[in-house]
Structures are given as C-alpha cells and as structure tokens.
Amino acid sequence: WARGENLDIVFNMVRFTDPMLGNSDLADSCKPVGAEEEQMR
C-alpha cells in the first residue's frame, strides 16, 4: 500500500519499555513468539 501511494515507510519492531512507552505489561499479548518471531526476522 505504501509503495502504491509513493510513501516512504519505516517498520519498527514492537518493544516493551516503561520509561519510554509504559507498556511492559503488554509483552505477553503483543510480542511475536515462535513461528511468528521467525516470520518477523
């Protein structure tokens, strides 16, 4: 979609840090694991 709209795109990998995002409690529900993690790699 981004390429079709001629948009520069940056992908970020989710991370969990309270000082920056206050989200360490979301790791269990949001972090890719197993096959999903390899898919992301």
PDB file of all heavy atoms in Angstrom:
ATOM      1  N   TRP A   1       0.829  -1.209   0.000  1.00  0.00           N
ATOM      2  CA  TRP A   1       0.000   0.000   0.000  1.00  0.00           C
ATOM      3  C   TRP A   1       0.864   1.260   0.000  1.00  0.00           C
ATOM      4  O   TRP A   1       0.606   2.204  -0.759  1.00  0.00           O
ATOM      5  CB  TRP A   1      -0.925   0.003   1.220  1.00  0.00           C
ATOM      6  CG  TRP A   1      -1.710   1.273   1.348  1.00  0.00           C
ATOM      7  CD1 TRP A   1      -2.851   1.611   0.686  1.00  0.00           C
ATOM      8  CD2 TRP A   1      -1.380   2.395   2.183  1.00  0.00           C
ATOM      9  NE1 TRP A   1      -3.260   2.864   1.051  1.00  0.00           N
ATOM     10  CE2 TRP A   1      -2.378   3.363   1.968  1.00  0.00           C
ATOM     11  CE3 TRP A   1      -0.352   2.661   3.083  1.00  0.00           C
ATOM     12  CZ2 TRP A   1      -2.374   4.592   2.634  1.00  0.00           C
ATOM     13  CZ3 TRP A   1      -0.340   3.881   3.738  1.00  0.00           C
ATOM     14  CH2 TRP A   1      -1.335   4.833   3.513  1.00  0.00           C
ATOM     15  N   ALA A   2       1.909   1.285   0.841  1.00  0.00           N
ATOM     16  CA  ALA A   2       2.785   2.451   0.917  1.00  0.00           C
ATOM     17  C   ALA A   2       3.469   2.716  -0.421  1.00  0.00           C
ATOM     18  O   ALA A   2       3.562   3.866  -0.869  1.00  0.00           O
ATOM     19  CB  ALA A   2       3.824   2.260   2.019  1.00  0.00           C
ATOM     20  N   ARG A   3       3.948   1.664  -1.054  1.00  0.00           N
ATOM     21  CA  ARG A   3       4.604   1.841  -2.348  1.00  0.00           C
ATOM     22  C   ARG A   3       3.617   2.346  -3.396  1.00  0.00           C
ATOM     23  O   ARG A   3       3.952   3.188  -4.233  1.00  0.00           O
ATOM     24  CB  ARG A   3       5.236   0.524  -2.784  1.00  0.00           C
ATOM     25  CG  ARG A   3       6.487   0.164  -1.987  1.00  0.00           C
ATOM     26  CD  ARG A   3       7.012  -1.222  -2.327  1.00  0.00           C
ATOM     27  NE  ARG A   3       8.321  -1.460  -1.698  1.00  0.00           N
ATOM     28  CZ  ARG A   3       8.910  -2.639  -1.646  1.00  0.00           C
ATOM     29  NH1 ARG A   3       8.310  -3.702  -2.183  1.00  0.00           N
ATOM     30  NH2 ARG A   3      10.088  -2.784  -1.066  1.00  0.00           N
ATOM     31  N   GLY A   4       2.388   1.839  -3.331  1.00  0.00           N
ATOM     32  CA  GLY A   4       1.376   2.294  -4.268  1.00  0.00           C
ATOM     33  C   GLY A   4       1.014   3.754  -4.083  1.00  0.00           C
ATOM     34  O   GLY A   4       0.628   4.434  -5.041  1.00  0.00           O
ATOM     35  N   GLU A   5       1.139   4.252  -2.847  1.00  0.00           N
ATOM     36  CA  GLU A   5       0.855   5.645  -2.540  1.00  0.00           C
ATOM     37  C   GLU A   5       2.102   6.523  -2.609  1.00  0.00           C
ATOM     38  O   GLU A   5       2.047   7.711  -2.266  1.00  0.00           O
ATOM     39  CB  GLU A   5       0.247   5.759  -1.135  1.00  0.00           C
ATOM     40  CG  GLU A   5      -1.091   5.050  -0.969  1.00  0.00           C
ATOM     41  CD  GLU A   5      -2.188   5.671  -1.811  1.00  0.00           C
ATOM     42  OE1 GLU A   5      -2.202   6.917  -1.938  1.00  0.00           O
ATOM     43  OE2 GLU A   5      -3.036   4.925  -2.347  1.00  0.00           O
ATOM     44  N   ASN A   6       3.231   5.934  -3.057  1.00  0.00           N
ATOM     45  CA  ASN A   6       4.505   6.665  -3.166  1.00  0.00           C
ATOM     46  C   ASN A   6       4.928   7.249  -1.820  1.00  0.00           C
ATOM     47  O   ASN A   6       5.374   8.394  -1.728  1.00  0.00           O
ATOM     48  CB  ASN A   6       4.408   7.771  -4.221  1.00  0.00           C
ATOM     49  CG  ASN A   6       5.777   8.286  -4.643  1.00  0.00           C
ATOM     50  OD1 ASN A   6       6.768   7.556  -4.627  1.00  0.00           O
ATOM     51  ND2 ASN A   6       5.839   9.553  -5.019  1.00  0.00           N
ATOM     52  N   LEU A   7       4.814   6.422  -0.788  1.00  0.00           N
ATOM     53  CA  LEU A   7       5.156   6.850   0.569  1.00  0.00           C
ATOM     54  C   LEU A   7       6.403   6.118   1.057  1.00  0.00           C
ATOM     55  O   LEU A   7       6.489   4.893   0.960  1.00  0.00           O
ATOM     56  CB  LEU A   7       4.001   6.545   1.528  1.00  0.00           C
ATOM     57  CG  LEU A   7       2.789   7.461   1.481  1.00  0.00           C
ATOM     58  CD1 LEU A   7       1.628   6.836   2.236  1.00  0.00           C
ATOM     59  CD2 LEU A   7       3.133   8.831   2.081  1.00  0.00           C
ATOM     60  N   ASP A   8       7.342   6.873   1.587  1.00  0.00           N
ATOM     61  CA  ASP A   8       8.481   6.265   2.272  1.00  0.00           C
ATOM     62  C   ASP A   8       7.965   5.629   3.563  1.00  0.00           C
ATOM     63  O   ASP A   8       7.147   6.223   4.279  1.00  0.00           O
ATOM     64  CB  ASP A   8       9.522   7.344   2.584  1.00  0.00           C
ATOM     65  CG  ASP A   8      10.772   6.767   3.219  1.00  0.00           C
ATOM     66  OD1 ASP A   8      11.334   5.821   2.654  1.00  0.00           O
ATOM     67  OD2 ASP A   8      11.182   7.263   4.290  1.00  0.00           O
ATOM     68  N   ILE A   9       8.401   4.417   3.860  1.00  0.00           N
ATOM     69  CA  ILE A   9       7.892   3.709   5.035  1.00  0.00           C
ATOM     70  C   ILE A   9       9.027   3.167   5.884  1.00  0.00           C
ATOM     71  O   ILE A   9      10.044   2.694   5.363  1.00  0.00           O
ATOM     72  CB  ILE A   9       6.938   2.555   4.622  1.00  0.00           C
ATOM     73  CG1 ILE A   9       6.348   1.864   5.856  1.00  0.00           C
ATOM     74  CG2 ILE A   9       7.629   1.555   3.700  1.00  0.00           C
ATOM     75  CD1 ILE A   9       5.217   0.900   5.546  1.00  0.00           C
ATOM     76  N   VAL A  10       8.850   3.266   7.189  1.00  0.00           N
ATOM     77  CA  VAL A  10       9.781   2.717   8.171  1.00  0.00           C
ATOM     78  C   VAL A  10       9.025   1.703   9.021  1.00  0.00           C
ATOM     79  O   VAL A  10       7.939   1.996   9.532  1.00  0.00           O
ATOM     80  CB  VAL A  10      10.349   3.825   9.081  1.00  0.00           C
ATOM     81  CG1 VAL A  10      11.113   3.208  10.246  1.00  0.00           C
ATOM     82  CG2 VAL A  10      11.243   4.757   8.304  1.00  0.00           C
ATOM     83  N   PHE A  11       9.584   0.510   9.154  1.00  0.00           N
ATOM     84  CA  PHE A  11       8.997  -0.512  10.023  1.00  0.00           C
ATOM     85  C   PHE A  11       9.772  -0.575  11.332  1.00  0.00           C
ATOM     86  O   PHE A  11      11.005  -0.601  11.340  1.00  0.00           O
ATOM     87  CB  PHE A  11       9.039  -1.886   9.344  1.00  0.00           C
ATOM     88  CG  PHE A  11       8.083  -2.039   8.209  1.00  0.00           C
ATOM     89  CD1 PHE A  11       8.506  -1.846   6.900  1.00  0.00           C
ATOM     90  CD2 PHE A  11       6.755  -2.362   8.438  1.00  0.00           C
ATOM     91  CE1 PHE A  11       7.625  -1.992   5.838  1.00  0.00           C
ATOM     92  CE2 PHE A  11       5.866  -2.508   7.387  1.00  0.00           C
ATOM     93  CZ  PHE A  11       6.298  -2.327   6.079  1.00  0.00           C
ATOM     94  N   ASN A  12       9.039  -0.596  12.429  1.00  0.00           N
ATOM     95  CA  ASN A  12       9.634  -0.759  13.744  1.00  0.00           C
ATOM     96  C   ASN A  12       9.144  -2.058  14.369  1.00  0.00           C
ATOM     97  O   ASN A  12       7.984  -2.448  14.192  1.00  0.00           O
ATOM     98  CB  ASN A  12       9.271   0.410  14.662  1.00  0.00           C
ATOM     99  CG  ASN A  12       9.930   1.693  14.233  1.00  0.00           C
ATOM    100  OD1 ASN A  12      11.144   1.750  14.084  1.00  0.00           O
ATOM    101  ND2 ASN A  12       9.132   2.734  14.000  1.00  0.00           N
ATOM    102  N   MET A  13      10.021  -2.712  15.092  1.00  0.00           N
ATOM    103  CA  MET A  13       9.653  -3.933  15.813  1.00  0.00           C
ATOM    104  C   MET A  13       9.167  -3.551  17.207  1.00  0.00           C
ATOM    105  O   MET A  13       9.777  -2.724  17.889  1.00  0.00           O
ATOM    106  CB  MET A  13      10.874  -4.848  15.911  1.00  0.00           C
ATOM    107  CG  MET A  13      10.615  -6.169  16.594  1.00  0.00           C
ATOM    108  SD  MET A  13      12.098  -7.219  16.517  1.00  0.00           S
ATOM    109  CE  MET A  13      11.629  -8.526  17.658  1.00  0.00           C
ATOM    110  N   VAL A  14       8.039  -4.106  17.614  1.00  0.00           N
ATOM    111  CA  VAL A  14       7.485  -3.773  18.918  1.00  0.00           C
ATOM    112  C   VAL A  14       8.513  -4.025  20.020  1.00  0.00           C
ATOM    113  O   VAL A  14       9.279  -4.990  19.969  1.00  0.00           O
ATOM    114  CB  VAL A  14       6.193  -4.579  19.184  1.00  0.00           C
ATOM    115  CG1 VAL A  14       6.489  -6.063  19.352  1.00  0.00           C
ATOM    116  CG2 VAL A  14       5.455  -4.030  20.399  1.00  0.00           C
ATOM    117  N   ARG A  15       8.562  -3.154  20.986  1.00  0.00           N
ATOM    118  CA  ARG A  15       9.435  -3.337  22.136  1.00  0.00           C
ATOM    119  C   ARG A  15       8.695  -2.868  23.382  1.00  0.00           C
ATOM    120  O   ARG A  15       7.714  -2.122  23.293  1.00  0.00           O
ATOM    121  CB  ARG A  15      10.764  -2.590  21.965  1.00  0.00           C
ATOM    122  CG  ARG A  15      10.645  -1.098  21.783  1.00  0.00           C
ATOM    123  CD  ARG A  15      11.976  -0.524  21.301  1.00  0.00           C
ATOM    124  NE  ARG A  15      12.019   0.929  21.355  1.00  0.00           N
ATOM    125  CZ  ARG A  15      11.559   1.718  20.402  1.00  0.00           C
ATOM    126  NH1 ARG A  15      11.009   1.212  19.327  1.00  0.00           N
ATOM    127  NH2 ARG A  15      11.649   3.035  20.531  1.00  0.00           N
ATOM    128  N   PHE A  16       9.185  -3.275  24.525  1.00  0.00           N
ATOM    129  CA  PHE A  16       8.456  -3.060  25.761  1.00  0.00           C
ATOM    130  C   PHE A  16       9.372  -2.375  26.766  1.00  0.00           C
ATOM    131  O   PHE A  16      10.358  -2.947  27.220  1.00  0.00           O
ATOM    132  CB  PHE A  16       7.924  -4.393  26.289  1.00  0.00           C
ATOM    133  CG  PHE A  16       7.096  -5.125  25.262  1.00  0.00           C
ATOM    134  CD1 PHE A  16       7.667  -6.108  24.464  1.00  0.00           C
ATOM    135  CD2 PHE A  16       5.769  -4.788  25.061  1.00  0.00           C
ATOM    136  CE1 PHE A  16       6.923  -6.754  23.495  1.00  0.00           C
ATOM    137  CE2 PHE A  16       5.019  -5.427  24.092  1.00  0.00           C
ATOM    138  CZ  PHE A  16       5.589  -6.412  23.298  1.00  0.00           C
ATOM    139  N   THR A  17       9.032  -1.139  27.093  1.00  0.00           N
ATOM    140  CA  THR A  17       9.859  -0.340  27.994  1.00  0.00           C
ATOM    141  C   THR A  17       8.975   0.657  28.730  1.00  0.00           C
ATOM    142  O   THR A  17       8.303   1.483  28.103  1.00  0.00           O
ATOM    143  CB  THR A  17      10.964   0.400  27.216  1.00  0.00           C
ATOM    144  OG1 THR A  17      11.464   1.477  28.012  1.00  0.00           O
ATOM    145  CG2 THR A  17      10.455   0.967  25.900  1.00  0.00           C
ATOM    146  N   ASP A  18       8.986   0.609  30.034  1.00  0.00           N
ATOM    147  CA  ASP A  18       8.146   1.518  30.807  1.00  0.00           C
ATOM    148  C   ASP A  18       8.602   2.976  30.738  1.00  0.00           C
ATOM    149  O   ASP A  18       7.758   3.867  30.602  1.00  0.00           O
ATOM    150  CB  ASP A  18       8.077   1.049  32.258  1.00  0.00           C
ATOM    151  CG  ASP A  18       7.089  -0.105  32.420  1.00  0.00           C
ATOM    152  OD1 ASP A  18       6.182  -0.235  31.569  1.00  0.00           O
ATOM    153  OD2 ASP A  18       7.223  -0.875  33.385  1.00  0.00           O
ATOM    154  N   PRO A  19       9.909   3.282  30.843  1.00  0.00           N
ATOM    155  CA  PRO A  19      10.303   4.690  30.772  1.00  0.00           C
ATOM    156  C   PRO A  19       9.867   5.378  29.473  1.00  0.00           C
ATOM    157  O   PRO A  19       9.522   6.557  29.486  1.00  0.00           O
ATOM    158  CB  PRO A  19      11.828   4.628  30.880  1.00  0.00           C
ATOM    159  CG  PRO A  19      12.099   3.384  31.643  1.00  0.00           C
ATOM    160  CD  PRO A  19      11.057   2.412  31.175  1.00  0.00           C
ATOM    161  N   MET A  20       9.864   4.648  28.361  1.00  0.00           N
ATOM    162  CA  MET A  20       9.568   5.235  27.061  1.00  0.00           C
ATOM    163  C   MET A  20       8.100   5.064  26.656  1.00  0.00           C
ATOM    164  O   MET A  20       7.457   6.006  26.192  1.00  0.00           O
ATOM    165  CB  MET A  20      10.459   4.581  25.999  1.00  0.00           C
ATOM    166  CG  MET A  20      10.287   5.155  24.604  1.00  0.00           C
ATOM    167  SD  MET A  20      11.311   6.594  24.361  1.00  0.00           S
ATOM    168  CE  MET A  20      11.361   6.651  22.566  1.00  0.00           C
ATOM    169  N   LEU A  21       7.548   3.869  26.831  1.00  0.00           N
ATOM    170  CA  LEU A  21       6.225   3.558  26.303  1.00  0.00           C
ATOM    171  C   LEU A  21       5.221   3.115  27.368  1.00  0.00           C
ATOM    172  O   LEU A  21       4.039   2.963  27.066  1.00  0.00           O
ATOM    173  CB  LEU A  21       6.334   2.454  25.240  1.00  0.00           C
ATOM    174  CG  LEU A  21       7.241   2.776  24.042  1.00  0.00           C
ATOM    175  CD1 LEU A  21       7.453   1.526  23.192  1.00  0.00           C
ATOM    176  CD2 LEU A  21       6.648   3.900  23.200  1.00  0.00           C
ATOM    177  N   GLY A  22       5.703   2.868  28.578  1.00  0.00           N
ATOM    178  CA  GLY A  22       4.808   2.452  29.653  1.00  0.00           C
ATOM    179  C   GLY A  22       4.068   1.159  29.367  1.00  0.00           C
ATOM    180  O   GLY A  22       2.939   0.965  29.828  1.00  0.00           O
ATOM    181  N   ASN A  23       4.711   0.236  28.622  1.00  0.00           N
ATOM    182  CA  ASN A  23       3.964  -0.916  28.099  1.00  0.00           C
ATOM    183  C   ASN A  23       4.525  -2.289  28.453  1.00  0.00           C
ATOM    184  O   ASN A  23       4.231  -3.270  27.769  1.00  0.00           O
ATOM    185  CB  ASN A  23       3.869  -0.802  26.579  1.00  0.00           C
ATOM    186  CG  ASN A  23       5.227  -0.964  25.883  1.00  0.00           C
ATOM    187  OD1 ASN A  23       6.276  -0.867  26.508  1.00  0.00           O
ATOM    188  ND2 ASN A  23       5.185  -1.212  24.580  1.00  0.00           N
ATOM    189  N   SER A  24       5.338  -2.392  29.481  1.00  0.00           N
ATOM    190  CA  SER A  24       5.931  -3.693  29.791  1.00  0.00           C
ATOM    191  C   SER A  24       4.875  -4.741  30.105  1.00  0.00           C
ATOM    192  O   SER A  24       5.096  -5.944  29.898  1.00  0.00           O
ATOM    193  CB  SER A  24       6.915  -3.568  30.964  1.00  0.00           C
ATOM    194  OG  SER A  24       6.239  -3.166  32.146  1.00  0.00           O
ATOM    195  N   ASP A  25       3.699  -4.304  30.567  1.00  0.00           N
ATOM    196  CA  ASP A  25       2.636  -5.250  30.900  1.00  0.00           C
ATOM    197  C   ASP A  25       1.946  -5.818  29.662  1.00  0.00           C
ATOM    198  O   ASP A  25       1.116  -6.731  29.787  1.00  0.00           O
ATOM    199  CB  ASP A  25       1.603  -4.566  31.791  1.00  0.00           C
ATOM    200  CG  ASP A  25       0.944  -3.374  31.119  1.00  0.00           C
ATOM    201  OD1 ASP A  25       1.655  -2.636  30.405  1.00  0.00           O
ATOM    202  OD2 ASP A  25      -0.268  -3.168  31.302  1.00  0.00           O
ATOM    203  N   LEU A  26       2.293  -5.319  28.467  1.00  0.00           N
ATOM    204  CA  LEU A  26       1.649  -5.782  27.238  1.00  0.00           C
ATOM    205  C   LEU A  26       2.467  -6.843  26.497  1.00  0.00           C
ATOM    206  O   LEU A  26       2.042  -7.325  25.442  1.00  0.00           O
ATOM    207  CB  LEU A  26       1.413  -4.595  26.291  1.00  0.00           C
ATOM    208  CG  LEU A  26       0.524  -3.471  26.824  1.00  0.00           C
ATOM    209  CD1 LEU A  26       0.419  -2.351  25.793  1.00  0.00           C
ATOM    210  CD2 LEU A  26      -0.853  -3.990  27.184  1.00  0.00           C
ATOM    211  N   ALA A  27       3.628  -7.205  27.028  1.00  0.00           N
ATOM    212  CA  ALA A  27       4.518  -8.125  26.320  1.00  0.00           C
ATOM    213  C   ALA A  27       3.843  -9.463  26.025  1.00  0.00           C
ATOM    214  O   ALA A  27       3.965 -10.006  24.923  1.00  0.00           O
ATOM    215  CB  ALA A  27       5.804  -8.338  27.116  1.00  0.00           C
ATOM    216  N   ASP A  28       3.116 -10.008  26.978  1.00  0.00           N
ATOM    217  CA  ASP A  28       2.508 -11.329  26.781  1.00  0.00           C
ATOM    218  C   ASP A  28       1.489 -11.333  25.644  1.00  0.00           C
ATOM    219  O   ASP A  28       1.342 -12.337  24.938  1.00  0.00           O
ATOM    220  CB  ASP A  28       1.838 -11.805  28.077  1.00  0.00           C
ATOM    221  CG  ASP A  28       2.844 -12.172  29.151  1.00  0.00           C
ATOM    222  OD1 ASP A  28       4.024 -12.374  28.814  1.00  0.00           O
ATOM    223  OD2 ASP A  28       2.450 -12.243  30.336  1.00  0.00           O
ATOM    224  N   SER A  29       0.785 -10.220  25.455  1.00  0.00           N
ATOM    225  CA  SER A  29      -0.271 -10.185  24.447  1.00  0.00           C
ATOM    226  C   SER A  29       0.200  -9.671  23.089  1.00  0.00           C
ATOM    227  O   SER A  29      -0.456  -9.932  22.074  1.00  0.00           O
ATOM    228  CB  SER A  29      -1.431  -9.300  24.927  1.00  0.00           C
ATOM    229  OG  SER A  29      -0.983  -7.967  25.158  1.00  0.00           O
ATOM    230  N   CYS A  30       1.331  -8.973  23.036  1.00  0.00           N
ATOM    231  CA  CYS A  30       1.744  -8.307  21.795  1.00  0.00           C
ATOM    232  C   CYS A  30       3.028  -8.850  21.164  1.00  0.00           C
ATOM    233  O   CYS A  30       3.264  -8.642  19.974  1.00  0.00           O
ATOM    234  CB  CYS A  30       1.933  -6.809  22.037  1.00  0.00           C
ATOM    235  SG  CYS A  30       0.412  -5.925  22.427  1.00  0.00           S
ATOM    236  N   LYS A  31       3.870  -9.523  21.935  1.00  0.00           N
ATOM    237  CA  LYS A  31       5.164  -9.943  21.409  1.00  0.00           C
ATOM    238  C   LYS A  31       5.039 -11.199  20.559  1.00  0.00           C
ATOM    239  O   LYS A  31       4.505 -12.211  21.018  1.00  0.00           O
ATOM    240  CB  LYS A  31       6.138 -10.209  22.555  1.00  0.00           C
ATOM    241  CG  LYS A  31       7.539 -10.587  22.077  1.00  0.00           C
ATOM    242  CD  LYS A  31       8.478 -10.836  23.244  1.00  0.00           C
ATOM    243  CE  LYS A  31       9.863 -11.233  22.750  1.00  0.00           C
ATOM    244  NZ  LYS A  31      10.801 -11.498  23.866  1.00  0.00           N
ATOM    245  N   PRO A  32       5.529 -11.160  19.308  1.00  0.00           N
ATOM    246  CA  PRO A  32       5.540 -12.378  18.492  1.00  0.00           C
ATOM    247  C   PRO A  32       6.484 -13.417  19.098  1.00  0.00           C
ATOM    248  O   PRO A  32       7.581 -13.077  19.561  1.00  0.00           O
ATOM    249  CB  PRO A  32       6.069 -11.891  17.136  1.00  0.00           C
ATOM    250  CG  PRO A  32       5.831 -10.423  17.128  1.00  0.00           C
ATOM    251  CD  PRO A  32       5.991  -9.990  18.558  1.00  0.00           C
ATOM    252  N   VAL A  33       6.075 -14.664  19.095  1.00  0.00           N
ATOM    253  CA  VAL A  33       6.903 -15.741  19.631  1.00  0.00           C
ATOM    254  C   VAL A  33       6.884 -16.918  18.662  1.00  0.00           C
ATOM    255  O   VAL A  33       5.985 -17.047  17.819  1.00  0.00           O
ATOM    256  CB  VAL A  33       6.413 -16.197  21.027  1.00  0.00           C
ATOM    257  CG1 VAL A  33       6.572 -15.091  22.049  1.00  0.00           C
ATOM    258  CG2 VAL A  33       4.953 -16.660  20.970  1.00  0.00           C
ATOM    259  N   GLY A  34       7.888 -17.775  18.779  1.00  0.00           N
ATOM    260  CA  GLY A  34       7.931 -18.993  17.976  1.00  0.00           C
ATOM    261  C   GLY A  34       7.963 -18.700  16.490  1.00  0.00           C
ATOM    262  O   GLY A  34       8.799 -17.936  15.994  1.00  0.00           O
ATOM    263  N   ALA A  35       7.024 -19.284  15.753  1.00  0.00           N
ATOM    264  CA  ALA A  35       6.971 -19.121  14.302  1.00  0.00           C
ATOM    265  C   ALA A  35       6.746 -17.667  13.903  1.00  0.00           C
ATOM    266  O   ALA A  35       7.264 -17.201  12.883  1.00  0.00           O
ATOM    267  CB  ALA A  35       5.864 -20.005  13.721  1.00  0.00           C
ATOM    268  N   GLU A  36       5.982 -16.932  14.694  1.00  0.00           N
ATOM    269  CA  GLU A  36       5.745 -15.513  14.399  1.00  0.00           C
ATOM    270  C   GLU A  36       7.048 -14.717  14.473  1.00  0.00           C
ATOM    271  O   GLU A  36       7.293 -13.827  13.649  1.00  0.00           O
ATOM    272  CB  GLU A  36       4.743 -14.928  15.379  1.00  0.00           C
ATOM    273  CG  GLU A  36       3.306 -15.358  15.149  1.00  0.00           C
ATOM    274  CD  GLU A  36       2.353 -14.648  16.073  1.00  0.00           C
ATOM    275  OE1 GLU A  36       2.799 -14.157  17.147  1.00  0.00           O
ATOM    276  OE2 GLU A  36       1.160 -14.570  15.745  1.00  0.00           O
ATOM    277  N   GLU A  37       7.873 -15.036  15.445  1.00  0.00           N
ATOM    278  CA  GLU A  37       9.144 -14.340  15.602  1.00  0.00           C
ATOM    279  C   GLU A  37      10.048 -14.594  14.402  1.00  0.00           C
ATOM    280  O   GLU A  37      10.691 -13.670  13.886  1.00  0.00           O
ATOM    281  CB  GLU A  37       9.818 -14.801  16.887  1.00  0.00           C
ATOM    282  CG  GLU A  37      10.925 -13.891  17.376  1.00  0.00           C
ATOM    283  CD  GLU A  37      11.432 -14.310  18.733  1.00  0.00           C
ATOM    284  OE1 GLU A  37      11.571 -15.530  18.982  1.00  0.00           O
ATOM    285  OE2 GLU A  37      11.713 -13.427  19.549  1.00  0.00           O
ATOM    286  N   GLU A  38      10.093 -15.833  13.915  1.00  0.00           N
ATOM    287  CA  GLU A  38      10.894 -16.146  12.736  1.00  0.00           C
ATOM    288  C   GLU A  38      10.308 -15.462  11.497  1.00  0.00           C
ATOM    289  O   GLU A  38      11.058 -14.999  10.626  1.00  0.00           O
ATOM    290  CB  GLU A  38      10.949 -17.660  12.532  1.00  0.00           C
ATOM    291  CG  GLU A  38      11.688 -18.091  11.268  1.00  0.00           C
ATOM    292  CD  GLU A  38      13.130 -17.622  11.204  1.00  0.00           C
ATOM    293  OE1 GLU A  38      13.722 -17.298  12.268  1.00  0.00           O
ATOM    294  OE2 GLU A  38      13.685 -17.583  10.083  1.00  0.00           O
ATOM    295  N   GLN A  39       9.005 -15.391  11.412  1.00  0.00           N
ATOM    296  CA  GLN A  39       8.354 -14.680  10.308  1.00  0.00           C
ATOM    297  C   GLN A  39       8.780 -13.210  10.301  1.00  0.00           C
ATOM    298  O   GLN A  39       9.049 -12.631   9.244  1.00  0.00           O
ATOM    299  CB  GLN A  39       6.835 -14.791  10.452  1.00  0.00           C
ATOM    300  CG  GLN A  39       6.039 -14.070   9.366  1.00  0.00           C
ATOM    301  CD  GLN A  39       4.533 -14.161   9.618  1.00  0.00           C
ATOM    302  OE1 GLN A  39       4.073 -14.976  10.429  1.00  0.00           O
ATOM    303  NE2 GLN A  39       3.768 -13.340   8.934  1.00  0.00           N
ATOM    304  N   MET A  40       8.856 -12.616  11.485  1.00  0.00           N
ATOM    305  CA  MET A  40       9.277 -11.226  11.589  1.00  0.00           C
ATOM    306  C   MET A  40      10.741 -11.070  11.179  1.00  0.00           C
ATOM    307  O   MET A  40      11.103 -10.134  10.457  1.00  0.00           O
ATOM    308  CB  MET A  40       9.071 -10.717  13.022  1.00  0.00           C
ATOM    309  CG  MET A  40       9.459  -9.260  13.215  1.00  0.00           C
ATOM    310  SD  MET A  40       9.140  -8.671  14.894  1.00  0.00           S
ATOM    311  CE  MET A  40       7.361  -8.507  14.870  1.00  0.00           C
ATOM    312  N   ARG A  41      11.588 -12.003  11.614  1.00  0.00           N
ATOM    313  CA  ARG A  41      13.006 -11.934  11.242  1.00  0.00           C
ATOM    314  C   ARG A  41      13.163 -11.989   9.721  1.00  0.00           C
ATOM    315  O   ARG A  41      13.936 -11.212   9.143  1.00  0.00           O
ATOM    316  CB  ARG A  41      13.779 -13.076  11.894  1.00  0.00           C
ATOM    317  CG  ARG A  41      15.303 -12.973  11.704  1.00  0.00           C
ATOM    318  CD  ARG A  41      16.019 -14.159  12.328  1.00  0.00           C
ATOM    319  NE  ARG A  41      15.913 -15.349  11.505  1.00  0.00           N
ATOM    320  CZ  ARG A  41      16.764 -15.653  10.515  1.00  0.00           C
ATOM    321  NH1 ARG A  41      17.779 -14.842  10.228  1.00  0.00           N
ATOM    322  NH2 ARG A  41      16.605 -16.760   9.823  1.00  0.00           N
TER     323      ARG A  41
END
